[in-house]
Structures are given as structure tokens and as C-alpha cells.
């Protein structure tokens, strides 16, 4: 595989892992619950209205809130470091 491709894939994966909790937090999926008046609150309201007053387990809203409530910052940092190390290791075979 082309080294540029390997590095690009690794950077994209690390960016997704690091970016997901940041984006979800900004949308209102927080460790304290869904923030009032946020985009997440609107999603939850729409999901509950469509489902007869409850948010279905396994729905997009439920999964996003689970990720937001988990507080993944330490895990995300470790995963990003691991991805960077793996990318460096793989790139060492090409350079």
C-alpha cells in the first residue's frame, strides 16, 4: 500500500476518534445528559414524538447520548496515541 494512503487513513481514523466526542458534546450530548435547547434536545424531541413519547433503545439519539455520557476523553486520547503509533510503525516499512 502507498505510504501516503497509509498515513492518510491513519490520520482520518485518529481524527474521527478524537473528533466524535467533541462534535457530540458541541451538539448537546454531554456527560450530564442532553443539554436544554441544544440540537441534541431537538433530536430527542423529534425521536420521542415519532415513537409515541419514548426514545427507542439503539436509535441514533440513544447511541449519541451513550457516547456523550461515557466521557471518552481519556480513552480517546489513548486511542489516538495508539493510532499514531501504529501509523508510524507502518510508515517505517516504507521510508
Protein backbone atom coordinates (compact mmCIF):
# COMPACT_ATOMS: atom_id res chain seq x y z
CA UNK A 1 0.00 0.00 0.00
CA UNK A 2 1.18 3.50 -0.81
CA UNK A 3 2.70 5.22 2.28
CA UNK A 4 0.66 8.36 1.67
CA UNK A 5 -2.50 6.25 1.71
CA UNK A 6 -1.47 4.59 4.96
CA UNK A 7 -0.78 7.92 6.63
CA UNK A 8 -3.98 9.44 5.29
CA UNK A 9 -6.08 6.53 6.56
CA UNK A 10 -4.38 6.66 9.95
CA UNK A 11 -4.87 10.42 10.22
CA UNK A 12 -8.52 10.10 9.23
CA UNK A 13 -9.12 7.36 11.77
CA UNK A 14 -7.44 9.32 14.53
CA UNK A 15 -9.36 12.44 13.57
CA UNK A 16 -12.65 10.57 13.70
CA UNK A 17 -11.87 9.07 17.09
CA UNK A 18 -10.83 12.40 18.55
CA UNK A 19 -13.48 14.45 16.76
CA UNK A 20 -16.58 12.37 17.54
CA UNK A 21 -16.83 13.22 21.25
CA UNK A 22 -16.06 16.87 20.54
CA UNK A 23 -18.78 17.13 17.91
CA UNK A 24 -21.30 15.26 20.05
CA UNK A 25 -20.54 17.49 23.03
CA UNK A 26 -20.98 20.61 20.92
CA UNK A 27 -24.33 19.26 19.66
CA UNK A 28 -25.53 18.87 23.27
CA UNK A 29 -24.84 15.22 24.09
CA UNK A 30 -23.00 15.74 27.39
CA UNK A 31 -21.95 13.62 30.36
CA UNK A 32 -24.68 15.36 32.40
CA UNK A 33 -27.37 14.48 29.84
CA UNK A 34 -28.82 16.23 26.84
CA UNK A 35 -28.36 20.00 27.12
CA UNK A 36 -31.60 22.01 27.12
CA UNK A 37 -32.20 24.00 23.94
CA UNK A 38 -29.45 22.21 22.03
CA UNK A 39 -29.52 20.42 18.69
CA UNK A 40 -29.49 17.17 20.69
CA UNK A 41 -32.63 18.26 22.55
CA UNK A 42 -34.36 18.85 19.23
CA UNK A 43 -33.31 15.42 18.01
CA UNK A 44 -34.56 13.82 21.22
CA UNK A 45 -37.89 15.63 20.97
CA UNK A 46 -38.38 14.53 17.37
CA UNK A 47 -37.42 10.94 18.19
CA UNK A 48 -39.81 10.84 21.15
CA UNK A 49 -42.65 12.33 19.12
CA UNK A 50 -42.13 9.79 16.34
CA UNK A 51 -42.01 6.91 18.82
CA UNK A 52 -45.06 7.67 20.92
CA UNK A 53 -43.25 9.57 23.69
CA UNK A 54 -40.15 7.45 24.23
CA UNK A 55 -36.73 7.34 22.62
CA UNK A 56 -36.12 3.88 21.20
CA UNK A 57 -33.14 1.95 22.54
CA UNK A 58 -30.44 1.70 19.90
CA UNK A 59 -31.69 4.74 17.98
CA UNK A 60 -29.31 7.43 16.78
CA UNK A 61 -30.25 9.70 19.68
CA UNK A 62 -29.75 6.91 22.23
CA UNK A 63 -26.36 5.92 20.81
CA UNK A 64 -25.14 9.53 20.64
CA UNK A 65 -26.21 10.15 24.23
CA UNK A 66 -24.45 6.98 25.36
CA UNK A 67 -21.24 8.21 23.77
CA UNK A 68 -21.70 11.69 25.24
CA UNK A 69 -22.44 10.32 28.71
CA UNK A 70 -19.45 7.98 28.72
CA UNK A 71 -16.94 10.82 28.90
CA UNK A 72 -14.50 9.23 26.49
CA UNK A 73 -11.74 11.85 26.72
CA UNK A 74 -9.08 9.62 28.35
CA UNK A 75 -9.97 6.67 26.14
CA UNK A 76 -9.98 8.83 23.06
CA UNK A 77 -6.54 10.18 23.89
CA UNK A 78 -5.16 6.68 24.32
CA UNK A 79 -6.78 5.50 21.10
CA UNK A 80 -5.42 8.47 19.16
CA UNK A 81 -1.94 7.84 20.53
CA UNK A 82 -2.23 4.18 19.58
CA UNK A 83 -3.36 5.06 16.08
CA UNK A 84 -0.46 7.47 15.70
CA UNK A 85 1.98 4.85 16.89
CA UNK A 86 0.55 2.26 14.51
CA UNK A 87 0.75 4.69 11.60
CA UNK A 88 4.37 5.46 12.45
CA UNK A 89 5.21 1.77 12.65
CA UNK A 90 3.60 1.02 9.30
CA UNK A 91 5.22 4.06 7.67
CA UNK A 92 8.63 2.87 8.90
CA UNK A 93 8.44 -0.01 6.43
CA UNK A 94 8.20 2.44 3.54
CA UNK A 95 10.73 5.11 4.50
